[in-house]
């Protein structure tokens, strides 16, 4: 269904203090119980000036579907090597040229 598409997957939070976490990458396997993608992790954190820690390198990621909060399909031309984050009001967002920016979390949530 979403195989070979670029997506942002926001993970569910298991407890209130858990930092918001997302993955951005290309889906390689889509099954009833799992999603595999080649991509990077994005975690909100107060230790970074941008408010977000982005993995430097691509990695293979296997995600159980039950742990996913939601999935956003991104344009195929997004540059996964140069992900940009900005603030809009109190929100941290991943900039997506020509489409709606991807919400990552609230400022101070990490």
Protein backbone atom coordinates (compact mmCIF):
# COMPACT_ATOMS: atom_id res chain seq x y z
CA UNK A 1 0.00 0.00 0.00
CA UNK A 2 2.66 2.56 0.99
CA UNK A 3 5.61 0.52 -0.26
CA UNK A 4 8.28 2.70 -1.91
CA UNK A 5 6.65 5.92 -0.61
CA UNK A 6 8.42 8.41 1.66
CA UNK A 7 6.60 8.79 4.97
CA UNK A 8 6.87 10.31 8.41
CA UNK A 9 5.77 7.93 11.15
CA UNK A 10 4.96 9.41 14.55
CA UNK A 11 5.27 6.88 17.35
CA UNK A 12 2.77 6.54 20.21
CA UNK A 13 3.85 7.80 23.59
CA UNK A 14 3.62 5.15 26.32
CA UNK A 15 3.84 7.62 29.21
CA UNK A 16 3.52 11.40 29.65
CA UNK A 17 7.23 12.12 30.12
CA UNK A 18 8.28 10.20 26.99
CA UNK A 19 9.91 12.34 24.31
CA UNK A 20 8.02 12.60 21.01
CA UNK A 21 9.71 10.44 18.37
CA UNK A 22 9.21 10.15 14.61
CA UNK A 23 10.85 8.34 11.72
CA UNK A 24 11.23 9.74 8.20
CA UNK A 25 12.15 7.45 5.33
CA UNK A 26 11.19 5.24 2.40
CA UNK A 27 8.93 2.27 3.15
CA UNK A 28 10.59 -0.99 2.07
CA UNK A 29 8.06 -3.49 3.50
CA UNK A 30 4.39 -3.02 4.40
CA UNK A 31 2.62 -5.89 6.15
CA UNK A 32 -0.36 -6.43 8.40
CA UNK A 33 1.75 -6.18 11.57
CA UNK A 34 4.99 -4.44 10.59
CA UNK A 35 6.40 -1.57 8.58
CA UNK A 36 10.04 -1.53 7.52
CA UNK A 37 11.71 1.57 6.22
CA UNK A 38 15.11 2.95 5.34
CA UNK A 39 15.35 6.28 7.07
CA UNK A 40 16.25 8.47 10.02
CA UNK A 41 14.87 9.03 13.50
CA UNK A 42 13.80 12.44 14.82
CA UNK A 43 13.46 13.01 18.58
CA UNK A 44 12.44 16.20 20.33
CA UNK A 45 15.05 17.23 22.87
CA UNK A 46 15.88 20.33 24.86
CA UNK A 47 19.62 19.69 24.45
CA UNK A 48 19.63 20.73 20.75
CA UNK A 49 19.40 24.36 19.64
CA UNK A 50 16.84 23.36 17.00
CA UNK A 51 14.80 21.38 19.54
CA UNK A 52 15.15 18.20 17.47
CA UNK A 53 17.85 15.52 17.29
CA UNK A 54 18.05 13.98 13.80
CA UNK A 55 20.01 10.79 13.11
CA UNK A 56 23.09 11.47 10.98
CA UNK A 57 22.95 8.23 8.98
CA UNK A 58 20.24 6.16 7.35
CA UNK A 59 19.35 2.86 8.99
CA UNK A 60 16.94 0.00 8.47
CA UNK A 61 14.00 0.43 10.84
CA UNK A 62 11.37 -2.21 11.70
CA UNK A 63 8.27 -0.77 13.37
CA UNK A 64 5.34 -2.74 14.84
CA UNK A 65 2.09 -1.22 13.52
CA UNK A 66 0.53 -1.19 17.00
CA UNK A 67 3.17 1.33 18.19
CA UNK A 68 2.35 3.90 15.46
CA UNK A 69 0.34 6.99 16.32
CA UNK A 70 -0.03 8.12 12.70
CA UNK A 71 1.60 8.11 9.27
CA UNK A 72 2.01 11.10 6.96
CA UNK A 73 2.90 10.53 3.31
CA UNK A 74 5.57 13.00 2.17
CA UNK A 75 6.43 14.08 -1.37
CA UNK A 76 8.87 11.84 -3.24
CA UNK A 77 11.21 14.78 -3.88
CA UNK A 78 11.92 15.52 -0.18
CA UNK A 79 15.67 15.57 0.53
CA UNK A 80 16.16 12.96 3.27
CA UNK A 81 19.83 13.97 3.57
CA UNK A 82 18.91 17.56 4.43
CA UNK A 83 15.87 17.51 6.74
CA UNK A 84 14.96 20.97 8.06
CA UNK A 85 13.00 21.80 11.20
CA UNK A 86 11.48 25.13 12.19
CA UNK A 87 9.00 26.54 14.68
CA UNK A 88 5.45 27.69 13.97
CA UNK A 89 3.97 29.35 17.06
CA UNK A 90 4.64 26.74 19.81
CA UNK A 91 5.12 23.82 17.42
CA UNK A 92 8.23 22.21 15.96
CA UNK A 93 7.62 21.14 12.36
CA UNK A 94 9.54 19.35 9.63
CA UNK A 95 9.61 21.60 6.56
CA UNK A 96 8.01 19.96 3.51
CA UNK A 97 8.33 22.11 0.38
CA UNK A 98 5.07 22.51 -1.49
CA UNK A 99 3.01 20.50 1.04
CA UNK A 100 1.75 20.83 4.60
CA UNK A 101 4.66 20.79 7.07
CA UNK A 102 4.89 17.74 9.34
CA UNK A 103 4.12 18.38 13.02
CA UNK A 104 6.79 16.90 15.30
CA UNK A 105 5.74 18.19 18.73
CA UNK A 106 5.35 21.16 21.03
CA UNK A 107 8.28 23.34 22.13
CA UNK A 108 9.47 22.16 25.54
CA UNK A 109 7.87 18.73 25.10
CA UNK A 110 11.26 17.05 24.66
